[in-house]
Protein backbone atom coordinates (compact mmCIF):
# COMPACT_ATOMS: atom_id res chain seq x y z
CA MET A 1 5.83 166.78 150.28
CA SER A 2 9.41 167.71 151.45
CA LYS A 3 11.77 165.87 150.75
CA THR A 4 12.51 165.17 154.88
CA ASN A 5 9.05 163.46 154.79
CA LEU A 6 9.58 161.48 151.55
CA ALA A 7 12.43 159.97 152.89
CA GLN A 8 10.49 158.95 156.21
CA LYS A 9 8.12 157.63 154.40
CA THR A 10 10.16 155.47 152.16
CA LYS A 11 11.82 154.46 155.23
CA ALA A 12 8.60 153.26 157.08
CA GLN A 13 7.71 151.48 154.11
CA LEU A 14 10.93 149.69 154.13
CA ILE A 15 10.54 148.91 158.05
CA ASN A 16 7.02 147.55 157.17
CA ARG A 17 8.19 145.01 154.28
CA ILE A 18 11.46 143.91 156.48
CA LEU A 19 8.62 143.20 159.77
CA GLY A 20 5.94 141.60 157.47
CA LYS A 21 3.66 144.22 158.06
CA LYS A 22 0.30 145.24 156.10
CA LYS A 23 0.96 148.55 153.62
CA SER A 24 -1.00 151.59 155.49
CA ALA A 25 -3.40 153.71 153.15
CA GLY A 26 -1.75 154.86 149.99
CA GLU A 27 0.77 152.23 149.58
CA THR A 28 1.81 150.15 147.13
CA ALA A 29 1.42 146.49 147.43
CA VAL A 30 5.13 144.64 147.67
CA THR A 31 5.53 141.12 146.59
CA THR A 32 8.32 139.41 148.33
CA PRO A 33 9.14 135.69 148.20
CA ALA A 34 9.32 134.67 151.70
CA VAL A 35 13.00 133.59 152.58
CA ARG A 36 13.22 130.92 155.34
CA PRO A 37 17.02 130.20 156.71
CA ALA A 38 18.05 127.13 155.90
CA SER A 39 19.73 124.84 159.11
CA ARG A 40 23.13 123.34 158.57
CA SER A 41 21.51 120.20 158.59
CA GLU A 42 19.26 121.27 155.54
CA VAL A 43 22.24 121.60 153.24
CA PRO A 44 23.90 118.49 151.57
CA GLU A 45 27.23 118.25 152.60
CA THR A 46 28.13 117.67 148.91
CA PHE A 47 27.43 121.30 148.13
CA THR A 48 29.98 122.43 151.16
CA ARG A 49 32.81 120.39 149.80
CA PHE A 50 35.41 120.58 146.85
CA ASP A 51 36.50 116.90 147.07
CA ARG A 52 32.61 116.10 146.09
CA HIS A 53 32.20 118.30 143.26
CA PRO A 54 31.05 115.95 140.50
CA GLY A 55 33.72 117.58 138.28
CA TYR A 56 36.51 116.25 140.71
CA GLU A 57 34.62 112.77 141.10
CA LYS A 58 34.40 112.19 137.81
CA MET A 59 37.93 113.04 137.17
CA LEU A 60 38.90 110.71 140.45
CA VAL A 61 36.97 107.82 138.36
CA THR A 62 38.99 107.96 135.10
CA LYS A 63 42.67 108.56 137.09
CA ALA A 64 41.56 105.21 139.09
CA ALA A 65 40.47 103.50 135.88
CA ALA A 66 43.41 104.39 134.13
CA SER A 67 45.44 103.55 137.14
CA ARG A 68 43.84 99.84 137.33
CA LEU A 69 44.38 99.45 133.13
CA GLY A 70 48.73 100.41 134.03
CA VAL A 71 48.05 103.39 132.29
CA SER A 72 50.51 106.30 134.23
CA ASN A 73 48.82 109.64 133.62
CA PRO A 74 50.77 111.40 130.93
CA PHE A 75 49.73 115.14 132.32
CA PHE A 76 51.98 117.77 133.93
CA ARG A 77 55.40 116.21 133.14
CA VAL A 78 57.89 118.75 134.54
CA HIS A 79 59.93 120.20 131.55
CA ASP A 80 63.71 121.80 131.96
CA GLY A 81 64.86 124.47 129.68
CA VAL A 82 63.13 125.81 126.31
CA ALA A 83 60.32 124.25 124.81
CA GLY A 84 61.85 123.60 121.10
CA ALA A 85 62.33 120.25 118.87
CA THR A 86 63.84 118.69 121.90
CA THR A 87 62.88 118.76 126.20
CA ARG A 88 64.00 117.19 128.84
CA ILE A 89 62.39 115.73 131.28
CA GLU A 90 63.66 114.59 134.40
CA GLY A 91 67.44 114.55 133.07
CA ARG A 92 66.26 112.66 129.99
CA GLU A 93 66.25 114.32 126.59
CA TYR A 94 63.07 113.52 124.47
CA ILE A 95 62.30 114.19 120.97
CA ASN A 96 59.44 116.74 121.36
CA PHE A 97 55.90 117.61 119.75
CA SER A 98 54.00 119.05 122.34
CA ASN A 99 54.64 122.74 122.14
CA TYR A 100 53.69 125.61 119.85
CA ASN A 101 57.00 126.68 119.10
CA TYR A 102 56.78 126.61 115.39
CA LEU A 103 59.19 128.79 114.53
CA GLY A 104 61.35 127.96 116.82
CA LEU A 105 61.52 131.78 117.81
CA ALA A 106 61.08 130.29 121.93
CA GLY A 107 64.34 130.92 123.19
CA HIS A 108 66.08 132.60 120.51
CA PRO A 109 68.68 134.64 121.26
CA ALA A 110 67.16 138.56 119.76
CA VAL A 111 63.86 137.28 121.29
CA GLY A 112 65.52 136.75 124.85
CA LYS A 113 67.74 140.43 124.66
CA ALA A 114 64.92 142.30 123.59
CA ALA A 115 62.64 140.91 127.07
CA LYS A 116 65.55 141.42 129.30
CA GLU A 117 65.92 145.18 127.59
CA ALA A 118 62.97 145.72 128.35
CA ILE A 119 62.85 144.72 131.59
CA ASP A 120 65.71 147.02 132.68
CA ARG A 121 63.78 150.16 131.20
CA TYR A 122 59.64 148.77 132.19
CA GLY A 123 60.41 146.16 135.07
CA THR A 124 58.48 143.04 134.73
CA SER A 125 54.97 143.85 134.99
CA ALA A 126 52.87 146.88 133.79
CA SER A 127 51.14 146.50 137.37
CA ALA A 128 47.84 148.75 135.98
CA SER A 129 45.39 148.69 133.42
CA ARG A 130 46.52 150.53 130.51
CA LEU A 131 43.05 152.74 130.27
CA VAL A 132 43.21 153.77 134.00
CA ALA A 133 47.43 153.69 134.44
CA GLY A 134 48.54 154.80 130.95
CA GLU A 135 50.95 152.52 128.29
CA ARG A 136 54.42 151.76 127.56
CA PRO A 137 55.69 152.21 124.15
CA VAL A 138 56.60 148.63 123.59
CA GLN A 139 52.87 147.99 123.48
CA ARG A 140 51.56 150.56 121.14
CA GLU A 141 54.98 148.99 119.03
CA LEU A 142 53.37 145.73 119.11
CA GLU A 143 49.89 146.27 118.32
CA GLU A 144 51.14 149.02 115.59
CA ALA A 145 53.01 146.37 114.18
CA LEU A 146 50.16 143.24 114.75
CA ALA A 147 47.44 146.15 112.75
CA GLU A 148 50.45 146.33 109.52
CA LEU A 149 50.93 142.83 109.37
CA TYR A 150 47.26 142.17 108.58
CA GLU A 151 47.12 145.45 107.03
CA VAL A 152 44.13 147.12 108.78
CA GLU A 153 43.99 150.04 110.58
CA ASP A 154 44.58 148.71 114.62
CA CYS A 155 45.21 146.01 116.92
CA VAL A 156 44.53 145.60 120.61
CA VAL A 157 46.72 143.39 122.67
CA PHE A 158 45.11 141.44 125.72
CA VAL A 159 46.86 139.33 128.16
CA SER A 160 45.21 135.69 127.73
CA GLY A 161 44.42 134.51 124.33
CA HIS A 162 41.82 132.84 125.75
CA ALA A 163 40.37 135.93 127.16
CA THR A 164 40.57 137.60 124.05
CA ASN A 165 38.32 135.47 122.49
CA VAL A 166 35.46 135.44 125.37
CA SER A 167 35.64 138.75 126.25
CA THR A 168 35.44 139.79 122.63
CA ILE A 169 32.79 138.10 121.62
CA GLY A 170 31.05 138.47 124.90
CA TYR A 171 31.26 142.62 124.86
CA LEU A 172 30.48 142.99 120.87
CA PHE A 173 27.47 140.71 120.36
CA GLY A 174 23.97 139.83 122.57
CA PRO A 175 20.65 138.50 122.83
CA LYS A 176 19.44 140.27 119.84
CA ASP A 177 21.99 138.84 117.74
CA LEU A 178 23.15 135.73 116.28
CA VAL A 179 26.64 133.59 115.99
CA ILE A 180 27.63 131.07 113.66
CA HIS A 181 30.68 128.87 114.51
CA ASP A 182 32.50 125.80 113.03
CA SER A 183 31.65 122.85 114.81
CA LEU A 184 35.56 122.10 115.79
CA VAL A 185 35.88 126.08 116.92
CA HIS A 186 37.93 126.26 120.23
CA ASN A 187 36.41 126.23 123.95
CA SER A 188 37.38 130.38 123.99
CA ILE A 189 34.92 130.83 121.30
CA LEU A 190 31.92 128.86 122.79
CA GLU A 191 32.22 130.51 126.09
CA GLY A 192 32.32 133.80 124.60
CA ILE A 193 29.11 133.29 122.73
CA LYS A 194 27.95 131.79 125.78
CA LEU A 195 28.53 135.04 127.70
CA SER A 196 27.36 137.16 124.69
CA GLY A 197 23.63 135.58 125.18
CA ALA A 198 23.51 135.80 121.58
CA ALA A 199 21.56 132.89 119.17
CA ARG A 200 24.18 130.40 118.38
CA ARG A 201 24.17 127.96 115.53
CA SER A 202 27.04 125.30 114.78
CA PHE A 203 27.68 123.83 111.34
CA ALA A 204 29.68 120.88 110.13
CA HIS A 205 32.96 121.32 109.90
CA ASN A 206 34.35 123.42 107.02
CA ASP A 207 30.71 123.05 105.35
CA HIS A 208 30.49 126.51 104.37
CA GLN A 209 27.57 126.14 102.48
CA ALA A 210 25.86 125.14 105.56
CA VAL A 211 26.37 128.57 106.52
CA ASP A 212 24.93 130.04 103.63
CA ASP A 213 21.68 127.95 103.79
CA VAL A 214 21.54 128.78 108.07
CA LEU A 215 21.77 132.78 107.17
CA THR A 216 19.73 132.35 103.86
CA GLU A 217 16.90 130.85 106.83
CA ILE A 218 17.36 133.06 109.75
CA ARG A 219 19.51 136.00 109.16
CA GLY A 220 16.73 138.54 109.44
CA GLN A 221 15.76 137.28 112.47
CA PHE A 222 18.49 139.07 114.13
CA GLU A 223 20.23 142.41 114.50
CA ARG A 224 23.86 141.82 114.26
CA ALA A 225 25.32 138.63 113.21
CA LEU A 226 28.37 136.76 112.97
CA ILE A 227 30.32 134.04 111.65
CA VAL A 228 33.52 132.39 113.34
CA VAL A 229 36.11 130.11 112.09
CA GLU A 230 39.67 129.32 112.90
CA GLY A 231 42.53 130.22 110.70
CA LEU A 232 44.32 126.64 111.06
CA TYR A 233 42.33 124.41 113.23
CA SER A 234 44.10 123.49 116.14
CA MET A 235 43.00 120.09 116.76
CA ASP A 236 43.01 119.08 113.19
CA GLY A 237 45.36 120.36 110.97
CA ASP A 238 43.04 121.83 108.42
CA ILE A 239 42.13 125.35 107.32
CA PRO A 240 38.76 127.20 105.92
CA ASN A 241 37.55 127.60 102.28
CA LEU A 242 38.28 131.92 103.66
CA PRO A 243 37.54 133.22 100.26
CA ALA A 244 33.95 131.47 100.15
CA LEU A 245 33.20 132.62 103.58
CA ILE A 246 34.00 136.56 102.99
CA ASP A 247 31.84 135.93 99.96
CA ILE A 248 28.83 134.51 102.30
CA LYS A 249 29.38 137.16 104.90
CA ARG A 250 29.45 140.10 102.37
CA ARG A 251 26.06 138.92 100.82
CA HIS A 252 24.43 138.21 103.72
CA GLN A 253 25.53 141.47 105.76
CA VAL A 254 27.44 139.52 108.83
CA PHE A 255 30.99 140.14 110.50
CA LEU A 256 33.52 137.45 109.93
CA MET A 257 35.79 136.71 112.74
CA VAL A 258 39.30 134.56 112.14
CA ASP A 259 41.20 132.86 115.11
CA GLU A 260 44.28 132.77 113.82
CA ALA A 261 45.90 131.55 117.16
CA HIS A 262 47.67 128.31 115.08
CA ALA A 263 47.55 129.96 111.68
CA LEU A 264 49.67 133.01 112.38
CA GLY A 265 53.23 131.76 111.26
CA VAL A 266 51.97 128.66 110.03
CA LEU A 267 50.41 129.51 106.70
CA GLY A 268 51.72 131.64 103.97
CA GLU A 269 55.19 131.90 102.26
CA THR A 270 56.05 134.64 105.07
CA GLY A 271 53.92 133.29 107.78
CA ARG A 272 51.17 135.89 107.52
CA GLY A 273 48.60 133.48 108.30
CA VAL A 274 45.22 132.12 105.84
CA ARG A 275 45.18 135.39 104.35
CA GLU A 276 48.26 135.58 102.85
CA HIS A 277 47.82 132.00 101.99
CA PHE A 278 44.45 132.62 99.87
CA GLY A 279 45.78 135.90 98.94
CA VAL A 280 43.15 138.24 100.40
CA ALA A 281 42.86 141.39 101.51
CA GLY A 282 43.11 142.09 105.56
CA LYS A 283 40.00 144.57 105.35
CA ASP A 284 38.37 141.35 103.83
CA VAL A 285 37.96 139.76 107.10
CA ASP A 286 35.91 141.71 109.92
CA ILE A 287 37.91 140.57 113.08
CA TRP A 288 41.29 139.06 112.93
CA MET A 289 41.92 137.34 116.08
CA GLY A 290 45.61 135.85 117.17
CA THR A 291 47.73 134.78 119.82
CA LEU A 292 51.22 135.54 121.06
CA SER A 293 52.11 132.66 123.03
CA LYS A 294 52.75 130.31 119.88
CA THR A 295 54.61 131.98 116.67
CA PHE A 296 55.48 134.88 118.66
CA ALA A 297 57.54 133.23 122.02
CA GLY A 298 55.36 135.48 124.58
CA CYS A 299 52.05 134.99 125.78
CA GLY A 300 48.44 136.76 125.44
CA GLY A 301 46.15 137.65 122.39
CA PHE A 302 44.73 140.32 119.88
CA ILE A 303 42.08 141.68 118.00
CA ALA A 304 42.92 143.38 114.74
CA GLY A 305 40.51 145.63 112.29
CA GLU A 306 39.12 148.54 111.94
CA ARG A 307 39.64 151.12 114.54
CA ALA A 308 36.02 151.62 115.35
CA LEU A 309 36.39 148.39 116.53
CA VAL A 310 39.60 148.14 117.98
CA GLU A 311 38.48 151.52 120.59
CA ASN A 312 36.01 150.08 120.88
CA LEU A 313 37.29 147.25 122.89
CA LYS A 314 39.97 149.14 124.29
CA TYR A 315 37.60 151.53 126.42
CA ALA A 316 34.79 149.08 127.36
CA ALA A 317 35.54 144.98 126.55
CA PRO A 318 36.01 143.97 130.15
CA GLY A 319 38.83 141.59 129.47
CA PHE A 320 40.64 144.71 128.81
CA VAL A 321 39.78 147.39 130.84
CA TYR A 322 39.51 145.63 134.10
CA SER A 323 43.15 143.31 133.20
CA VAL A 324 46.46 144.65 133.83
CA GLY A 325 48.49 145.52 130.52
CA MET A 326 50.58 143.32 128.51
CA SER A 327 53.65 142.68 130.51
CA PRO A 328 56.43 144.64 128.60
CA PRO A 329 59.33 142.00 128.32
CA LEU A 330 56.27 140.18 126.92
CA ALA A 331 55.48 142.66 124.46
CA ALA A 332 58.76 143.26 123.42
CA ALA A 333 59.65 139.42 123.18
CA SER A 334 56.77 138.92 120.56
CA LEU A 335 57.41 142.21 118.40
CA GLU A 336 61.32 140.87 118.34
CA ALA A 337 59.74 137.11 117.29
CA LEU A 338 57.44 138.88 114.51
CA ARG A 339 60.49 140.98 113.29
CA ILE A 340 62.56 138.04 113.11
CA MET A 341 59.84 135.81 111.13
CA LEU A 342 59.42 138.29 108.77
CA ARG A 343 63.20 139.32 107.99
CA GLU A 344 63.43 135.15 107.84
CA PRO A 345 61.04 133.72 106.04
CA GLU A 346 63.09 130.28 105.30
CA ARG A 347 61.98 129.13 108.74
CA VAL A 348 58.06 129.17 107.86
CA GLY A 349 59.71 127.02 104.22
CA ARG A 350 61.36 124.41 107.01
CA LEU A 351 58.41 124.29 109.04
CA ARG A 352 55.64 123.28 105.57
CA ALA A 353 58.82 120.92 104.50
CA HIS A 354 58.47 118.90 108.09
CA ALA A 355 54.74 119.13 108.54
CA ARG A 356 54.35 117.53 104.24
CA GLN A 357 56.65 115.44 105.00
CA PHE A 358 55.38 113.82 108.51
CA LEU A 359 51.91 113.74 106.99
CA GLN A 360 53.28 111.49 104.18
CA GLN A 361 55.00 109.37 106.07
CA MET A 362 52.11 108.95 108.59
CA HIS A 363 49.81 108.02 105.75
CA SER A 364 52.54 105.68 104.72
CA ILE A 365 51.93 103.41 107.50
CA GLY A 366 48.73 103.64 107.76
CA ILE A 367 47.69 106.29 110.49
CA ASN A 368 44.56 107.81 110.52
CA THR A 369 45.22 111.83 110.46
CA GLY A 370 41.80 112.40 110.13
CA TYR A 371 41.38 116.43 108.11
CA ALA A 372 45.29 117.02 108.25
CA GLN A 373 46.40 118.69 105.06
CA GLY A 374 49.95 119.20 106.47
CA TYR A 375 50.22 122.80 108.26
CA ALA A 376 52.06 122.02 111.49
CA VAL A 377 49.42 120.01 113.37
CA VAL A 378 49.13 116.53 112.67
CA PRO A 379 47.13 114.15 114.91
CA ALA A 380 47.04 110.17 114.90
CA ILE A 381 43.53 109.37 115.44
CA THR A 382 43.38 106.12 117.95
CA GLY A 383 39.39 105.72 118.51
CA SER A 384 39.45 105.47 122.14
CA SER A 385 40.80 107.52 124.90
CA LEU A 386 42.73 104.49 126.70
CA LYS A 387 44.80 103.55 123.25
CA ALA A 388 45.59 107.83 123.20
CA ALA A 389 47.17 107.49 126.69
CA LYS A 390 48.75 104.08 126.13
CA LEU A 391 50.20 105.02 123.07
CA SER A 392 51.56 108.55 124.61
CA ASN A 393 53.30 106.35 127.23
CA GLN A 394 54.85 103.93 124.84
CA LEU A 395 56.37 106.86 123.17
CA PHE A 396 57.36 108.32 125.94
CA GLU A 397 59.64 105.32 127.07
CA ALA A 398 60.87 105.31 123.17
CA GLY A 399 62.12 109.34 123.63
CA ILE A 400 59.43 111.00 122.30
CA ASN A 401 56.98 113.41 123.76
CA VAL A 402 53.41 113.66 122.36
CA GLN A 403 50.53 114.72 124.34
CA PRO A 404 47.44 112.54 124.20
CA ILE A 405 43.83 114.27 123.23
CA ILE A 406 41.18 112.70 125.37
CA TYR A 407 37.31 112.40 125.88
CA PRO A 408 35.90 115.59 126.57
CA ALA A 409 38.35 117.37 124.85
CA VAL A 410 37.27 115.72 122.06
CA GLU A 411 34.64 113.36 121.06
CA GLU A 412 35.85 109.72 122.48
CA LYS A 413 36.05 108.02 119.05
CA ALA A 414 38.03 111.35 117.57
CA ALA A 415 40.79 110.70 121.00
CA ARG A 416 44.19 111.26 119.41
CA LEU A 417 47.83 111.41 119.70
CA ARG A 418 48.52 115.46 118.59
CA PHE A 419 51.78 116.08 116.53
CA PHE A 420 53.27 120.33 116.73
CA LEU A 421 55.94 120.26 114.05
CA SER A 422 58.59 123.23 114.07
CA ALA A 423 60.97 124.46 112.02
CA LEU A 424 63.68 122.98 114.62
CA HIS A 425 62.60 119.74 113.95
CA ASN A 426 65.13 117.65 111.91
CA ASP A 427 64.85 114.70 109.18
CA ARG A 428 66.44 112.39 112.10
CA GLU A 429 63.83 113.33 114.64
CA ILE A 430 61.09 112.80 112.45
CA ASP A 431 62.55 109.84 110.76
CA PHE A 432 62.60 108.15 114.57
CA THR A 433 59.59 109.09 115.01
CA LEU A 434 58.00 107.35 112.55
CA LYS A 435 59.92 104.31 112.96
CA THR A 436 58.83 104.12 116.52
CA LEU A 437 55.36 104.83 116.05
CA LYS A 438 55.24 102.19 113.23
CA ARG A 439 57.00 99.36 115.23
CA ILE A 440 54.51 100.05 118.29
CA VAL A 441 51.43 100.57 116.09
CA VAL A 442 52.19 97.40 113.82
CA ALA A 443 52.94 95.21 116.90
């Protein structure tokens, strides 16, 4: 049969299927579902309006309940100036515990200078994906510096920390694989696992024996397997037993991924993170993930590890390939912040001293700080979202800015205030905050 006749026959079969005609001799029956166009009246109005979306309606109920109880909305307040140990809101200065400027490098003159020089040289945007449009030197300089920081072969920088986890886990793992994660890991990790389609197992917080038990039982059922933990838990302020997890991952032949978003700049004598804290080699962990928006005064995320891992992500991970490249001034700012951290380890020392002082005084006044170990993140567990919001507003009235973390971000019984300490805080600010907290709680 000629190509022309074949094409005509294919076209005739398609037309017959569309028209619902019976197959002719020699044709293969194709079963297609009958689709009846729905009339406008058959689609419930709920499905055509965003103000009827279940999530939005639930939010409105929560806001209305808070309003009836006299609790003002503590979220989305407008700040002026640099986010540091203090902040300015509607003309008033507040002691600030609601930002991640751990080492005080956001707003540092040298960091700002590096960003301004990058703008003059490269403009404000990379303007395209690095894969299709090329790179700027500062992007690679930042990646090389991060790889050196972790003592691994290479690094790739993404424009979003959340997307770094989603895209990396979602791309590297699939339906035949297993991902085991701590029960308190960040939403971005859970979204990445969901995207991957891999089997998921959660283990009780920081229970490395549970990881061992799960892998002993089911490791053989999967191809690749991954353990994911955080280097410093952003809601709770504690750290994992990294040496134990490295031993487990070796024995069971799985990958280990550590999210260093809040550990970098906080843990270790020079701020190199949880690996420096425990004295382990960078290559002992397969995937190092971190963010640039906290200690490094910029925005975005990164993956560091062996060259094969990084090249695979750079050529195929959707969050990198189909995204614009890191903004040059942001890359320059983070690179300079990294250099300052290494030149001035006393910043890490001050942060550590502040965090320990804060945690000890919280205990002295009877505040429940959960799992906190004195590493820059210190929660004050209130036990209910309403109590957390009320306490946040009371502190705000006294000149202290600290945000509540409420359900569903945490379980209702784990609702809390979350204090982020900075190297910029001083003894006066910490003492005033704790005295105010004691006065309000005791009252």
